[in-house]
Amino acid sequence: MSNGVAINGLLYGSTVLIWGTTWYAIALQVGDVPVMVSIFYRFALAAVLLLGGLKIMGRLHRIKRQDHLFCLLQGMCVFCFNFLCFYSANYYINSGLESVLFSMAILFNAVNGVIFLGQRLTRKLLIAGSFGISGIISLFWESLMAQDLSAETFYGIGLCLLGTYGFSIGNIITARHQKKGLDVLSTNAWAMLYGTCTMLAVILLTQTPFRFEASVSYVGALLYLAVFGSVVGFGSYFALVGRIGTGAAAYATVLFPLVALGVSTVYEGYIWTESAVVGLILILFGNVVMFYKPAQCVNQMRQAKQES
């Protein structure tokens, strides 16, 4: 296995594991603290840690004014308004349906990659995406059927899709950064800072009260979301975007709900149904389609025979 493939696998696995566990951490933050304030705490802490750490290590790269403007847009799309959409949608639809809709990021990224970056919409990506989204729908089929399709439900669906598209636009901006040779950690750090400042402005404009919960669960979830969910998770994902493209990297958004369900099985008593098992199989098969390279496997087998 080449170093490039190993690094891609590490980045992909890290993204899936970290983001798959953040759903439970986010649930631990739901309570007396307003959503906007919790999001502000998370990314303020993450931005301070990332910017401070890079500055101390001498790895905070200077970027041009135009690049700062793109970082501002990235921060709004990925570290601010998309989270407002997701949390607000949760008032109208359940988290299972939100996960289904967020898996649309793989299609949004692929289409936006073609429109904005000139990337090819490959057959492998379309097939893998079809299996992945079919699997997600099967996984949450009972949640989908349990939804009351009222005007409020459609409003929640619209908010979730809007947040997912914002996440996808952020992916395109990240790919633009890396295409220009900008450091992914530095652009991420500035984007987090700008997203945090934007969220603070929204909080002040809406006169949302600042509250803080000093419980072990809230503080622990906040630290996990800031350090791992934000600094490590987004860093790994955006590095992956630069290495394998926006469409292929977005397949992580299809796979990480399986990790979330594993956590839910242990801590929240999630019960696996027949449709959920079928969904698991479809998602894993889509993962194989996305990353399986027959020619490479054949060459490795021939090399192994020659060495033996």
Protein backbone atom coordinates (compact mmCIF):
# COMPACT_ATOMS: atom_id res chain seq x y z
CA MET A 1 0.00 0.00 0.00
CA SER A 2 1.46 3.39 -1.00
CA ASN A 3 1.92 6.21 1.51
CA GLY A 4 -0.70 8.29 -0.32
CA VAL A 5 -3.35 5.59 0.00
CA ALA A 6 -2.47 5.04 3.67
CA ILE A 7 -2.76 8.77 4.42
CA ASN A 8 -6.10 8.99 2.59
CA GLY A 9 -7.36 6.01 4.58
CA LEU A 10 -6.24 7.59 7.87
CA LEU A 11 -7.90 10.91 7.05
CA TYR A 12 -11.08 9.19 5.89
CA GLY A 13 -11.26 6.91 8.94
CA SER A 14 -10.61 9.82 11.31
CA THR A 15 -13.37 11.89 9.74
CA VAL A 16 -15.90 9.07 9.92
CA LEU A 17 -15.10 8.14 13.53
CA ILE A 18 -14.95 11.69 14.86
CA TRP A 19 -18.00 13.07 13.10
CA GLY A 20 -19.89 9.87 13.82
CA THR A 21 -19.48 10.47 17.56
CA THR A 22 -20.18 14.22 17.52
CA TRP A 23 -23.94 13.65 17.12
CA TYR A 24 -24.14 12.22 20.63
CA ALA A 25 -21.94 15.03 21.98
CA ILE A 26 -24.26 17.60 20.37
CA ALA A 27 -27.25 15.90 21.99
CA LEU A 28 -25.56 16.34 25.38
CA GLN A 29 -25.47 20.11 24.78
CA VAL A 30 -29.17 20.47 24.12
CA GLY A 31 -30.75 22.10 27.16
CA ASP A 32 -30.86 25.48 28.86
CA VAL A 33 -28.06 27.03 26.80
CA PRO A 34 -29.41 28.58 23.56
CA VAL A 35 -28.29 26.81 20.40
CA MET A 36 -26.51 29.85 18.95
CA VAL A 37 -24.56 30.31 22.17
CA SER A 38 -23.46 26.65 22.27
CA ILE A 39 -22.29 26.90 18.65
CA PHE A 40 -20.43 30.11 19.52
CA TYR A 41 -18.69 28.47 22.50
CA ARG A 42 -17.66 25.49 20.38
CA PHE A 43 -16.06 27.38 17.51
CA ALA A 44 -14.66 30.19 19.66
CA LEU A 45 -12.72 27.60 21.66
CA ALA A 46 -11.73 25.70 18.50
CA ALA A 47 -10.54 28.89 16.77
CA VAL A 48 -8.45 29.96 19.77
CA LEU A 49 -6.85 26.51 20.04
CA LEU A 50 -6.15 26.22 16.32
CA LEU A 51 -4.94 29.78 15.76
CA GLY A 52 -2.91 29.80 18.99
CA GLY A 53 -1.38 26.40 18.32
CA LEU A 54 -0.39 27.28 14.76
CA LYS A 55 1.04 30.63 15.90
CA ILE A 56 3.16 29.01 18.63
CA MET A 57 4.47 26.36 16.23
CA GLY A 58 5.16 28.95 13.55
CA ARG A 59 2.76 27.25 11.15
CA LEU A 60 0.17 30.01 10.76
CA HIS A 61 0.68 31.00 7.13
CA ARG A 62 -0.05 34.51 5.92
CA ILE A 63 -2.70 34.75 3.23
CA LYS A 64 -3.80 37.55 0.93
CA ARG A 65 -6.78 39.84 1.52
CA GLN A 66 -8.79 38.11 -1.21
CA ASP A 67 -8.13 34.73 0.44
CA HIS A 68 -9.32 36.16 3.78
CA LEU A 69 -12.62 37.09 2.09
CA PHE A 70 -13.01 33.49 0.92
CA CYS A 71 -12.19 32.30 4.46
CA LEU A 72 -14.95 34.59 5.73
CA LEU A 73 -17.40 32.98 3.29
CA GLN A 74 -16.15 29.51 4.27
CA GLY A 75 -16.64 30.34 7.96
CA MET A 76 -20.21 31.48 7.36
CA CYS A 77 -21.04 28.35 5.36
CA VAL A 78 -19.32 25.70 7.50
CA PHE A 79 -18.88 27.08 11.02
CA CYS A 80 -21.94 29.27 11.45
CA PHE A 81 -25.17 29.38 9.44
CA ASN A 82 -25.22 25.70 8.45
CA PHE A 83 -25.26 24.73 12.13
CA LEU A 84 -28.06 27.21 12.76
CA CYS A 85 -30.03 25.48 10.00
CA PHE A 86 -29.37 21.99 11.39
CA TYR A 87 -30.26 22.87 14.96
CA SER A 88 -33.34 24.85 13.93
CA ALA A 89 -34.51 21.98 11.70
CA ASN A 90 -34.40 19.70 14.73
CA TYR A 91 -37.47 21.50 16.11
CA TYR A 92 -39.51 20.25 13.14
CA ILE A 93 -37.98 16.90 12.11
CA ASN A 94 -36.14 14.17 13.98
CA SER A 95 -32.39 13.59 13.87
CA GLY A 96 -32.82 10.43 11.76
CA LEU A 97 -34.36 12.35 8.89
CA GLU A 98 -31.72 15.05 9.29
CA SER A 99 -29.03 12.41 8.80
CA VAL A 100 -30.78 11.21 5.65
CA LEU A 101 -30.85 14.74 4.25
CA PHE A 102 -27.25 15.51 5.23
CA SER A 103 -26.12 12.51 3.18
CA MET A 104 -27.14 14.61 0.16
CA ALA A 105 -23.80 16.38 0.63
CA ILE A 106 -22.20 13.71 -1.58
CA LEU A 107 -24.41 14.79 -4.49
CA PHE A 108 -24.16 18.52 -3.73
CA ASN A 109 -20.36 18.23 -3.61
CA ALA A 110 -20.20 16.27 -6.86
CA VAL A 111 -22.45 18.73 -8.72
CA ASN A 112 -20.72 21.79 -7.24
CA GLY A 113 -17.34 20.28 -8.08
CA VAL A 114 -18.39 20.01 -11.72
CA ILE A 115 -19.84 23.56 -11.77
CA PHE A 116 -17.16 25.46 -9.86
CA LEU A 117 -14.00 23.33 -10.09
CA GLY A 118 -14.32 21.58 -13.46
CA GLN A 119 -14.21 18.14 -11.84
CA ARG A 120 -15.58 15.08 -13.65
CA LEU A 121 -18.76 13.41 -12.46
CA THR A 122 -17.48 9.82 -12.61
CA ARG A 123 -19.58 6.68 -12.99
CA LYS A 124 -17.97 5.24 -9.83
CA LEU A 125 -19.08 8.25 -7.78
CA LEU A 126 -22.64 8.07 -9.11
CA ILE A 127 -22.92 4.33 -8.40
CA ALA A 128 -21.36 4.62 -4.94
CA GLY A 129 -23.53 7.64 -4.12
CA SER A 130 -26.67 5.78 -5.22
CA PHE A 131 -25.86 2.83 -2.96
CA GLY A 132 -24.95 5.16 -0.08
CA ILE A 133 -28.08 7.29 -0.22
CA SER A 134 -30.29 4.22 -0.73
CA GLY A 135 -28.65 2.71 2.33
CA ILE A 136 -29.23 5.82 4.43
CA ILE A 137 -32.91 5.90 3.42
CA SER A 138 -33.27 2.21 4.29
CA LEU A 139 -31.42 2.76 7.56
CA PHE A 140 -33.87 5.45 8.64
CA TRP A 141 -36.93 4.15 6.80
CA GLU A 142 -39.07 3.86 9.94
CA SER A 143 -38.14 7.40 10.96
CA LEU A 144 -39.13 8.61 7.51
CA MET A 145 -42.47 6.81 7.67
CA ALA A 146 -43.14 8.17 11.15
CA GLN A 147 -42.89 11.79 9.98
CA ASP A 148 -46.06 13.87 9.89
CA LEU A 149 -45.72 15.52 6.47
CA SER A 150 -47.10 18.89 7.56
CA ALA A 151 -45.99 22.35 6.47
CA GLU A 152 -43.64 22.45 9.48
CA THR A 153 -42.02 19.18 8.41
CA PHE A 154 -41.33 20.56 4.93
CA TYR A 155 -39.94 23.70 6.55
CA GLY A 156 -37.56 21.54 8.61
CA ILE A 157 -36.53 19.59 5.50
CA GLY A 158 -35.82 22.85 3.69
CA LEU A 159 -33.67 24.14 6.55
CA CYS A 160 -31.67 20.90 6.67
CA LEU A 161 -31.07 20.90 2.91
CA LEU A 162 -30.04 24.56 3.07
CA GLY A 163 -27.53 23.74 5.82
CA THR A 164 -26.21 20.79 3.82
CA TYR A 165 -25.78 22.94 0.72
CA GLY A 166 -23.94 25.52 2.80
CA PHE A 167 -21.59 22.77 3.98
CA SER A 168 -21.04 21.79 0.33
CA ILE A 169 -20.22 25.37 -0.69
CA GLY A 170 -17.68 25.42 2.14
CA ASN A 171 -16.13 22.29 0.63
CA ILE A 172 -15.78 24.03 -2.73
CA ILE A 173 -14.08 27.02 -1.09
CA THR A 174 -11.67 24.66 0.69
CA ALA A 175 -10.85 22.93 -2.60
CA ARG A 176 -10.23 26.39 -4.07
CA HIS A 177 -7.82 27.19 -1.21
CA GLN A 178 -5.85 24.00 -1.75
CA LYS A 179 -5.80 24.43 -5.52
CA LYS A 180 -4.05 27.76 -4.88
CA GLY A 181 -1.56 26.02 -2.59
CA LEU A 182 -2.85 27.55 0.66
CA ASP A 183 -2.27 25.73 3.94
CA VAL A 184 -5.44 23.86 4.98
CA LEU A 185 -4.90 24.37 8.73
CA SER A 186 -4.32 28.10 8.35
CA THR A 187 -7.37 28.68 6.16
CA ASN A 188 -9.42 26.50 8.50
CA ALA A 189 -8.29 28.54 11.50
CA TRP A 190 -9.20 31.87 9.90
CA ALA A 191 -12.54 30.46 8.68
CA MET A 192 -13.38 29.28 12.22
CA LEU A 193 -12.54 32.71 13.62
CA TYR A 194 -14.71 34.46 11.05
CA GLY A 195 -17.55 31.99 11.55
CA THR A 196 -17.35 32.56 15.32
CA CYS A 197 -17.42 36.35 14.89
CA THR A 198 -20.42 36.06 12.58
CA MET A 199 -22.25 33.91 15.13
CA LEU A 200 -21.45 36.45 17.87
CA ALA A 201 -22.91 39.21 15.69
CA VAL A 202 -26.09 37.17 15.21
CA ILE A 203 -26.35 36.56 18.96
CA LEU A 204 -25.99 40.28 19.73
CA LEU A 205 -28.43 41.33 16.99
CA THR A 206 -31.08 38.86 18.18
CA GLN A 207 -30.36 39.72 21.84
CA THR A 208 -29.96 36.04 22.66
CA PRO A 209 -28.94 35.65 26.32
CA PHE A 210 -25.56 34.14 27.13
CA ARG A 211 -25.86 31.14 29.44
CA PHE A 212 -23.45 28.42 30.47
CA GLU A 213 -24.03 24.99 31.99
CA ALA A 214 -21.25 23.85 34.32
CA SER A 215 -22.26 20.17 34.25
CA VAL A 216 -19.73 17.46 33.42
CA SER A 217 -21.74 16.32 30.39
CA TYR A 218 -22.06 19.81 28.87
CA VAL A 219 -18.44 20.84 29.44
CA GLY A 220 -17.13 17.44 28.32
CA ALA A 221 -19.24 17.58 25.14
CA LEU A 222 -18.09 21.15 24.49
CA LEU A 223 -14.41 20.20 24.78
CA TYR A 224 -14.86 17.14 22.57
CA LEU A 225 -16.75 19.09 19.90
CA ALA A 226 -14.21 21.93 19.93
CA VAL A 227 -11.01 19.87 19.91
CA PHE A 228 -11.92 16.70 18.04
CA GLY A 229 -15.15 17.56 16.25
CA SER A 230 -13.89 20.93 14.98
CA VAL A 231 -10.08 21.16 14.95
CA VAL A 232 -9.23 17.52 14.17
CA GLY A 233 -12.42 16.49 12.36
CA PHE A 234 -12.70 19.42 9.96
CA GLY A 235 -8.92 19.47 9.47
CA SER A 236 -8.95 15.81 8.42
CA TYR A 237 -11.98 16.23 6.18
CA PHE A 238 -10.74 19.32 4.35
CA ALA A 239 -7.30 17.74 3.88
CA LEU A 240 -9.13 14.79 2.31
CA VAL A 241 -11.04 17.16 0.01
CA GLY A 242 -7.74 18.46 -1.30
CA ARG A 243 -6.34 14.95 -1.86
CA ILE A 244 -9.25 13.02 -3.41
CA GLY A 245 -11.77 15.69 -4.46
CA THR A 246 -15.02 17.05 -3.04
CA GLY A 247 -17.25 14.23 -4.33
CA ALA A 248 -15.23 11.29 -3.02
CA ALA A 249 -14.46 13.00 0.30
CA ALA A 250 -18.17 13.67 0.87
CA TYR A 251 -18.80 9.91 0.99
CA ALA A 252 -17.72 10.18 4.63
CA THR A 253 -21.05 11.95 5.25
CA VAL A 254 -22.80 8.76 4.13
CA LEU A 255 -20.74 6.45 6.32
CA PHE A 256 -20.42 8.34 9.61
CA PRO A 257 -24.14 7.95 10.54
CA LEU A 258 -23.30 4.25 11.05
CA VAL A 259 -20.87 5.25 13.79
CA ALA A 260 -23.54 7.52 15.27
CA LEU A 261 -25.96 4.59 15.31
CA GLY A 262 -23.36 2.42 17.02
CA VAL A 263 -23.02 5.01 19.77
CA SER A 264 -26.80 5.31 19.96
CA THR A 265 -27.10 1.51 20.28
CA VAL A 266 -24.82 1.50 23.33
CA TYR A 267 -25.96 4.68 25.09
CA GLU A 268 -29.51 5.33 23.84
CA GLY A 269 -30.91 1.86 23.25
CA TYR A 270 -31.25 2.10 19.45
CA ILE A 271 -32.89 -1.08 18.08
CA TRP A 272 -31.69 -2.50 14.74
CA THR A 273 -34.50 -3.43 12.34
CA GLU A 274 -34.38 -5.45 9.10
CA SER A 275 -34.43 -2.26 7.02
CA ALA A 276 -31.55 -0.88 9.11
CA VAL A 277 -29.44 -3.99 8.44
CA VAL A 278 -30.18 -3.72 4.69
CA GLY A 279 -29.15 -0.07 4.85
CA LEU A 280 -25.87 -1.00 6.55
CA ILE A 281 -25.07 -3.51 3.79
CA LEU A 282 -25.88 -0.99 1.03
CA ILE A 283 -23.69 1.70 2.60
CA LEU A 284 -20.74 -0.64 3.07
CA PHE A 285 -21.09 -1.87 -0.52
CA GLY A 286 -21.12 1.73 -1.74
CA ASN A 287 -17.94 2.31 0.25
CA VAL A 288 -16.30 -0.64 -1.50
CA VAL A 289 -17.37 0.69 -4.92
CA MET A 290 -15.96 4.13 -4.12
CA PHE A 291 -12.49 3.03 -3.03
CA TYR A 292 -11.92 -0.39 -4.61
CA LYS A 293 -9.35 -0.25 -7.41
CA PRO A 294 -9.19 -3.58 -9.31
CA ALA A 295 -6.00 -2.77 -11.23
CA GLN A 296 -4.16 -1.78 -8.07
CA CYS A 297 -5.29 -4.96 -6.28
CA VAL A 298 -4.16 -7.12 -9.22
CA ASN A 299 -0.74 -5.46 -9.26
CA GLN A 300 -0.37 -5.99 -5.51
CA MET A 301 -1.27 -9.68 -5.89
CA ARG A 302 1.27 -10.12 -8.70
CA GLN A 303 3.93 -8.37 -6.65
CA ALA A 304 3.18 -10.62 -3.67
CA LYS A 305 3.51 -13.75 -5.85
CA GLN A 306 6.83 -12.56 -7.25
CA GLU A 307 8.20 -11.89 -3.77
CA SER A 308 7.12 -15.34 -2.58
